[in-house]
């Protein structure tokens, strides 16, 4: 399952591609004109939460991509969602932005909140595999490729450099089952409504 934090056009594109790859997708965000079912028809769930209330989103056993492009929202999302139970948290942005997001959060009347260093291995930022992605479509593909590599315990290198078997314990039957739906194959790869 994939949780997307953000409602921009890049989030719509990631949602659409993830659903095409048969992920169950939840888009979690606060109430805004962009957080609508019309903008995210591919989402299995659109979870409207109070602003900054990311602890309300169930991330247990899930993969999360934080892409609100708002420093305060992204910081709060990472601090709240990077838990021992989450599988992966990917953060869109630069290494400099990551440094700002990892700074402790100090709220008046609350104890300082810091990210547990033991959880840092679950945080991937800049998010995505290094494939030279530039277009929104390539970036979405890079992000989902990284998530797939993490899910399958791989590093995402070139198959020609791999020693031993290329495939895990999966079978051709599982591949055929995922591509046997003709309507899935007939759909455009990126619906016009999701283009950035």
C-alpha atoms as a PDB file:
ATOM      1  CA  UNK A   1       0.000   0.000   0.000  1.00  0.00           C
ATOM      2  CA  UNK A   2       1.188   3.490  -0.872  1.00  0.00           C
ATOM      3  CA  UNK A   3       0.346   6.696   0.998  1.00  0.00           C
ATOM      4  CA  UNK A   4       0.916   9.972  -0.855  1.00  0.00           C
ATOM      5  CA  UNK A   5       1.142  13.219   1.121  1.00  0.00           C
ATOM      6  CA  UNK A   6       0.478  15.995  -1.362  1.00  0.00           C
ATOM      7  CA  UNK A   7      -2.121  17.048  -3.902  1.00  0.00           C
ATOM      8  CA  UNK A   8      -0.063  18.713  -6.636  1.00  0.00           C
ATOM      9  CA  UNK A   9       0.046  17.561 -10.236  1.00  0.00           C
ATOM     10  CA  UNK A  10       3.104  15.416  -9.505  1.00  0.00           C
ATOM     11  CA  UNK A  11       1.136  13.641  -6.746  1.00  0.00           C
ATOM     12  CA  UNK A  12      -1.703  12.996  -9.215  1.00  0.00           C
ATOM     13  CA  UNK A  13       0.729  11.492 -11.683  1.00  0.00           C
ATOM     14  CA  UNK A  14       2.367   9.291  -9.021  1.00  0.00           C
ATOM     15  CA  UNK A  15      -1.079   8.139  -7.852  1.00  0.00           C
ATOM     16  CA  UNK A  16      -2.145   7.251 -11.388  1.00  0.00           C
ATOM     17  CA  UNK A  17       1.035   5.311 -12.179  1.00  0.00           C
ATOM     18  CA  UNK A  18       0.972   3.486  -8.829  1.00  0.00           C
ATOM     19  CA  UNK A  19      -2.590   2.319  -9.466  1.00  0.00           C
ATOM     20  CA  UNK A  20      -1.564   1.133 -12.935  1.00  0.00           C
ATOM     21  CA  UNK A  21       1.069  -0.954 -11.160  1.00  0.00           C
ATOM     22  CA  UNK A  22      -1.680  -2.337  -8.882  1.00  0.00           C
ATOM     23  CA  UNK A  23      -0.736  -0.543  -5.673  1.00  0.00           C
ATOM     24  CA  UNK A  24      -3.506   0.410  -3.268  1.00  0.00           C
ATOM     25  CA  UNK A  25      -3.144   4.199  -2.988  1.00  0.00           C
ATOM     26  CA  UNK A  26      -4.255   6.581  -0.237  1.00  0.00           C
ATOM     27  CA  UNK A  27      -3.857  10.323  -0.720  1.00  0.00           C
ATOM     28  CA  UNK A  28      -3.694  12.072   2.669  1.00  0.00           C
ATOM     29  CA  UNK A  29      -3.967  15.847   2.967  1.00  0.00           C
ATOM     30  CA  UNK A  30      -5.872  18.621   4.671  1.00  0.00           C
ATOM     31  CA  UNK A  31      -9.001  20.172   3.181  1.00  0.00           C
ATOM     32  CA  UNK A  32      -8.154  22.218   0.106  1.00  0.00           C
ATOM     33  CA  UNK A  33      -9.587  22.740  -3.357  1.00  0.00           C
ATOM     34  CA  UNK A  34      -6.984  20.345  -4.769  1.00  0.00           C
ATOM     35  CA  UNK A  35      -7.783  17.459  -2.399  1.00  0.00           C
ATOM     36  CA  UNK A  36     -10.799  16.191  -4.316  1.00  0.00           C
ATOM     37  CA  UNK A  37     -11.988  12.901  -5.733  1.00  0.00           C
ATOM     38  CA  UNK A  38     -12.209  14.594  -9.159  1.00  0.00           C
ATOM     39  CA  UNK A  39      -8.468  15.355  -9.091  1.00  0.00           C
ATOM     40  CA  UNK A  40      -7.570  11.900  -7.758  1.00  0.00           C
ATOM     41  CA  UNK A  41      -9.897   9.409  -9.454  1.00  0.00           C
ATOM     42  CA  UNK A  42      -7.200   6.711  -9.307  1.00  0.00           C
ATOM     43  CA  UNK A  43      -6.867   6.909  -5.508  1.00  0.00           C
ATOM     44  CA  UNK A  44      -8.446   4.088  -3.534  1.00  0.00           C
ATOM     45  CA  UNK A  45      -8.878   6.473  -0.625  1.00  0.00           C
ATOM     46  CA  UNK A  46      -8.751  10.239  -0.204  1.00  0.00           C
ATOM     47  CA  UNK A  47      -8.144  10.882   3.496  1.00  0.00           C
ATOM     48  CA  UNK A  48      -8.846  14.460   4.564  1.00  0.00           C
ATOM     49  CA  UNK A  49      -7.115  15.228   7.856  1.00  0.00           C
ATOM     50  CA  UNK A  50      -6.663  18.415   9.891  1.00  0.00           C
ATOM     51  CA  UNK A  51      -3.624  20.411   8.763  1.00  0.00           C
ATOM     52  CA  UNK A  52      -0.420  18.884  10.249  1.00  0.00           C
ATOM     53  CA  UNK A  53      -2.348  15.926  11.783  1.00  0.00           C
ATOM     54  CA  UNK A  54      -0.338  13.262   9.957  1.00  0.00           C
ATOM     55  CA  UNK A  55      -0.417  10.969  12.983  1.00  0.00           C
ATOM     56  CA  UNK A  56      -4.042  10.251  11.971  1.00  0.00           C
ATOM     57  CA  UNK A  57      -2.863   8.422   8.848  1.00  0.00           C
ATOM     58  CA  UNK A  58      -2.300   4.688   9.260  1.00  0.00           C
ATOM     59  CA  UNK A  59       1.198   3.949   7.899  1.00  0.00           C
ATOM     60  CA  UNK A  60       1.710   0.514   9.476  1.00  0.00           C
ATOM     61  CA  UNK A  61       3.320  -1.766   6.897  1.00  0.00           C
ATOM     62  CA  UNK A  62       2.907   0.878   4.168  1.00  0.00           C
ATOM     63  CA  UNK A  63       5.133   2.902   1.856  1.00  0.00           C
ATOM     64  CA  UNK A  64       4.856   6.696   2.097  1.00  0.00           C
ATOM     65  CA  UNK A  65       5.872   9.445  -0.325  1.00  0.00           C
ATOM     66  CA  UNK A  66       5.864  12.996   1.060  1.00  0.00           C
ATOM     67  CA  UNK A  67       5.497  15.563  -1.709  1.00  0.00           C
ATOM     68  CA  UNK A  68       3.512  18.569  -0.504  1.00  0.00           C
ATOM     69  CA  UNK A  69       6.380  20.933  -1.482  1.00  0.00           C
ATOM     70  CA  UNK A  70       5.659  22.944   1.670  1.00  0.00           C
ATOM     71  CA  UNK A  71       8.577  22.810   4.103  1.00  0.00           C
ATOM     72  CA  UNK A  72       6.445  22.943   7.261  1.00  0.00           C
ATOM     73  CA  UNK A  73       3.973  20.305   6.028  1.00  0.00           C
ATOM     74  CA  UNK A  74       6.717  18.014   4.771  1.00  0.00           C
ATOM     75  CA  UNK A  75       8.661  18.345   8.031  1.00  0.00           C
ATOM     76  CA  UNK A  76       5.609  17.487  10.115  1.00  0.00           C
ATOM     77  CA  UNK A  77       4.697  14.578   7.833  1.00  0.00           C
ATOM     78  CA  UNK A  78       8.190  13.075   8.049  1.00  0.00           C
ATOM     79  CA  UNK A  79       8.381  13.533  11.832  1.00  0.00           C
ATOM     80  CA  UNK A  80       4.940  11.959  12.361  1.00  0.00           C
ATOM     81  CA  UNK A  81       5.052   9.201   9.733  1.00  0.00           C
ATOM     82  CA  UNK A  82       8.619   7.935  10.106  1.00  0.00           C
ATOM     83  CA  UNK A  83       7.713   5.299  12.679  1.00  0.00           C
ATOM     84  CA  UNK A  84       9.006   1.804  13.450  1.00  0.00           C
ATOM     85  CA  UNK A  85       5.901   0.379  11.721  1.00  0.00           C
ATOM     86  CA  UNK A  86       6.271   2.151   8.345  1.00  0.00           C
ATOM     87  CA  UNK A  87       8.106   0.283   5.576  1.00  0.00           C
ATOM     88  CA  UNK A  88       9.507   3.322   3.731  1.00  0.00           C
ATOM     89  CA  UNK A  89       9.247   7.106   3.664  1.00  0.00           C
ATOM     90  CA  UNK A  90      10.347   8.886   0.496  1.00  0.00           C
ATOM     91  CA  UNK A  91      10.716  12.658   0.502  1.00  0.00           C
ATOM     92  CA  UNK A  92      10.734  14.796  -2.641  1.00  0.00           C
ATOM     93  CA  UNK A  93      13.339  17.535  -2.524  1.00  0.00           C
ATOM     94  CA  UNK A  94      17.014  18.356  -2.330  1.00  0.00           C
ATOM     95  CA  UNK A  95      19.621  17.256   0.211  1.00  0.00           C
ATOM     96  CA  UNK A  96      19.567  20.800   1.641  1.00  0.00           C
ATOM     97  CA  UNK A  97      15.794  20.561   2.140  1.00  0.00           C
ATOM     98  CA  UNK A  98      16.211  17.201   3.857  1.00  0.00           C
ATOM     99  CA  UNK A  99      18.635  18.778   6.317  1.00  0.00           C
ATOM    100  CA  UNK A 100      16.016  21.423   7.207  1.00  0.00           C
ATOM    101  CA  UNK A 101      13.293  18.790   7.591  1.00  0.00           C
ATOM    102  CA  UNK A 102      15.430  16.674   9.918  1.00  0.00           C
ATOM    103  CA  UNK A 103      15.934  19.566  12.336  1.00  0.00           C
ATOM    104  CA  UNK A 104      14.160  19.068  15.673  1.00  0.00           C
ATOM    105  CA  UNK A 105      10.655  20.536  15.919  1.00  0.00           C
ATOM    106  CA  UNK A 106      10.186  22.994  18.741  1.00  0.00           C
ATOM    107  CA  UNK A 107       6.605  24.025  19.529  1.00  0.00           C
ATOM    108  CA  UNK A 108       5.761  26.341  22.434  1.00  0.00           C
ATOM    109  CA  UNK A 109       4.594  24.295  25.404  1.00  0.00           C
ATOM    110  CA  UNK A 110       5.705  20.980  23.872  1.00  0.00           C
ATOM    111  CA  UNK A 111       8.895  18.961  24.317  1.00  0.00           C
ATOM    112  CA  UNK A 112      11.340  19.078  21.412  1.00  0.00           C
ATOM    113  CA  UNK A 113      10.671  16.363  18.818  1.00  0.00           C
ATOM    114  CA  UNK A 114      13.568  14.699  17.004  1.00  0.00           C
ATOM    115  CA  UNK A 115      13.707  11.867  14.513  1.00  0.00           C
ATOM    116  CA  UNK A 116      15.049   8.663  16.025  1.00  0.00           C
ATOM    117  CA  UNK A 117      18.411   7.982  14.311  1.00  0.00           C
ATOM    118  CA  UNK A 118      17.523   4.274  14.236  1.00  0.00           C
ATOM    119  CA  UNK A 119      14.684   5.093  11.790  1.00  0.00           C
ATOM    120  CA  UNK A 120      16.824   7.074   9.331  1.00  0.00           C
ATOM    121  CA  UNK A 121      17.403   3.949   7.202  1.00  0.00           C
ATOM    122  CA  UNK A 122      13.704   4.011   6.297  1.00  0.00           C
ATOM    123  CA  UNK A 123      13.923   7.597   4.976  1.00  0.00           C
ATOM    124  CA  UNK A 124      14.873   8.092   1.324  1.00  0.00           C
ATOM    125  CA  UNK A 125      15.598  11.624   0.184  1.00  0.00           C
ATOM    126  CA  UNK A 126      16.085  12.771  -2.452  1.00  0.00           C
ATOM    127  CA  UNK A 127      13.519  10.128  -3.374  1.00  0.00           C
ATOM    128  CA  UNK A 128      13.838   7.811  -6.370  1.00  0.00           C
ATOM    129  CA  UNK A 129      16.414   5.790  -8.247  1.00  0.00           C
ATOM    130  CA  UNK A 130      19.190   7.692 -10.022  1.00  0.00           C
ATOM    131  CA  UNK A 131      18.050   7.228 -13.629  1.00  0.00           C
ATOM    132  CA  UNK A 132      18.479  10.837 -14.714  1.00  0.00           C
ATOM    133  CA  UNK A 133      14.733  11.514 -14.389  1.00  0.00           C
ATOM    134  CA  UNK A 134      13.705  15.013 -15.471  1.00  0.00           C
ATOM    135  CA  UNK A 135      10.089  14.941 -16.643  1.00  0.00           C
ATOM    136  CA  UNK A 136       7.236  14.422 -14.152  1.00  0.00           C
ATOM    137  CA  UNK A 137       6.572  11.015 -15.725  1.00  0.00           C
ATOM    138  CA  UNK A 138      10.211   9.960 -15.342  1.00  0.00           C
ATOM    139  CA  UNK A 139      10.285  11.193 -11.746  1.00  0.00           C
ATOM    140  CA  UNK A 140       7.148   9.189 -10.888  1.00  0.00           C
ATOM    141  CA  UNK A 141       8.704   6.120 -12.515  1.00  0.00           C
ATOM    142  CA  UNK A 142      11.944   6.679 -10.571  1.00  0.00           C
ATOM    143  CA  UNK A 143      10.058   6.910  -7.271  1.00  0.00           C
ATOM    144  CA  UNK A 144       8.018   3.772  -7.899  1.00  0.00           C
ATOM    145  CA  UNK A 145      11.121   1.896  -9.086  1.00  0.00           C
ATOM    146  CA  UNK A 146      12.851   2.736  -5.805  1.00  0.00           C
ATOM    147  CA  UNK A 147       9.827   1.647  -3.773  1.00  0.00           C
ATOM    148  CA  UNK A 148       9.658  -1.616  -5.734  1.00  0.00           C
ATOM    149  CA  UNK A 149      13.367  -2.231  -5.139  1.00  0.00           C
ATOM    150  CA  UNK A 150      12.939  -1.643  -1.391  1.00  0.00           C
ATOM    151  CA  UNK A 151       9.867  -3.885  -1.268  1.00  0.00           C
ATOM    152  CA  UNK A 152      11.771  -6.669  -3.032  1.00  0.00           C
ATOM    153  CA  UNK A 153      15.009  -6.232  -1.094  1.00  0.00           C
ATOM    154  CA  UNK A 154      16.989  -5.085  -4.126  1.00  0.00           C
ATOM    155  CA  UNK A 155      19.316  -2.165  -4.856  1.00  0.00           C
ATOM    156  CA  UNK A 156      17.980  -1.165  -8.275  1.00  0.00           C
ATOM    157  CA  UNK A 157      21.171  -1.700 -10.278  1.00  0.00           C
ATOM    158  CA  UNK A 158      21.540  -2.961 -13.823  1.00  0.00           C
ATOM    159  CA  UNK A 159      20.324  -6.544 -14.309  1.00  0.00           C
ATOM    160  CA  UNK A 160      23.357  -7.288 -16.488  1.00  0.00           C
ATOM    161  CA  UNK A 161      25.545  -6.781 -13.397  1.00  0.00           C
ATOM    162  CA  UNK A 162      23.514  -9.141 -11.227  1.00  0.00           C
ATOM    163  CA  UNK A 163      25.111 -12.407 -10.151  1.00  0.00           C
ATOM    164  CA  UNK A 164      22.802 -15.411  -9.942  1.00  0.00           C
ATOM    165  CA  UNK A 165      19.105 -15.578 -10.744  1.00  0.00           C
ATOM    166  CA  UNK A 166      17.448 -12.435 -12.088  1.00  0.00           C
ATOM    167  CA  UNK A 167      14.024 -13.130 -10.627  1.00  0.00           C
ATOM    168  CA  UNK A 168      13.146 -13.935  -7.034  1.00  0.00           C
ATOM    169  CA  UNK A 169      10.860 -16.777  -6.130  1.00  0.00           C
ATOM    170  CA  UNK A 170       8.021 -15.396  -8.280  1.00  0.00           C
ATOM    171  CA  UNK A 171       6.716 -17.313 -11.281  1.00  0.00           C
ATOM    172  CA  UNK A 172       5.689 -16.453 -14.800  1.00  0.00           C
ATOM    173  CA  UNK A 173       2.094 -17.165 -13.683  1.00  0.00           C
ATOM    174  CA  UNK A 174       2.153 -14.153 -11.348  1.00  0.00           C
ATOM    175  CA  UNK A 175       3.435 -11.940 -14.183  1.00  0.00           C
ATOM    176  CA  UNK A 176       0.762 -13.229 -16.557  1.00  0.00           C
ATOM    177  CA  UNK A 177      -1.970 -12.670 -13.954  1.00  0.00           C
ATOM    178  CA  UNK A 178      -1.018  -9.010 -13.608  1.00  0.00           C
ATOM    179  CA  UNK A 179      -1.142  -8.354 -17.374  1.00  0.00           C
ATOM    180  CA  UNK A 180      -4.065 -10.538 -18.431  1.00  0.00           C
ATOM    181  CA  UNK A 181      -6.718  -7.830 -18.013  1.00  0.00           C
ATOM    182  CA  UNK A 182      -7.296  -6.374 -21.507  1.00  0.00           C
ATOM    183  CA  UNK A 183      -8.822  -3.142 -20.148  1.00  0.00           C
ATOM    184  CA  UNK A 184      -5.634  -2.549 -18.145  1.00  0.00           C
ATOM    185  CA  UNK A 185      -3.547  -2.864 -21.315  1.00  0.00           C
ATOM    186  CA  UNK A 186      -5.850  -0.646 -23.384  1.00  0.00           C
ATOM    187  CA  UNK A 187      -5.709   2.310 -20.992  1.00  0.00           C
ATOM    188  CA  UNK A 188      -3.375   5.159 -21.926  1.00  0.00           C
ATOM    189  CA  UNK A 189      -0.183   5.049 -19.859  1.00  0.00           C
ATOM    190  CA  UNK A 190      -0.776   8.548 -18.487  1.00  0.00           C
ATOM    191  CA  UNK A 191      -4.304   9.899 -18.816  1.00  0.00           C
ATOM    192  CA  UNK A 192      -4.414  13.444 -20.159  1.00  0.00           C
ATOM    193  CA  UNK A 193      -5.953  14.582 -16.855  1.00  0.00           C
ATOM    194  CA  UNK A 194      -2.766  13.572 -15.026  1.00  0.00           C
ATOM    195  CA  UNK A 195      -0.258  15.339 -17.243  1.00  0.00           C
ATOM    196  CA  UNK A 196       1.765  18.089 -15.590  1.00  0.00           C
END
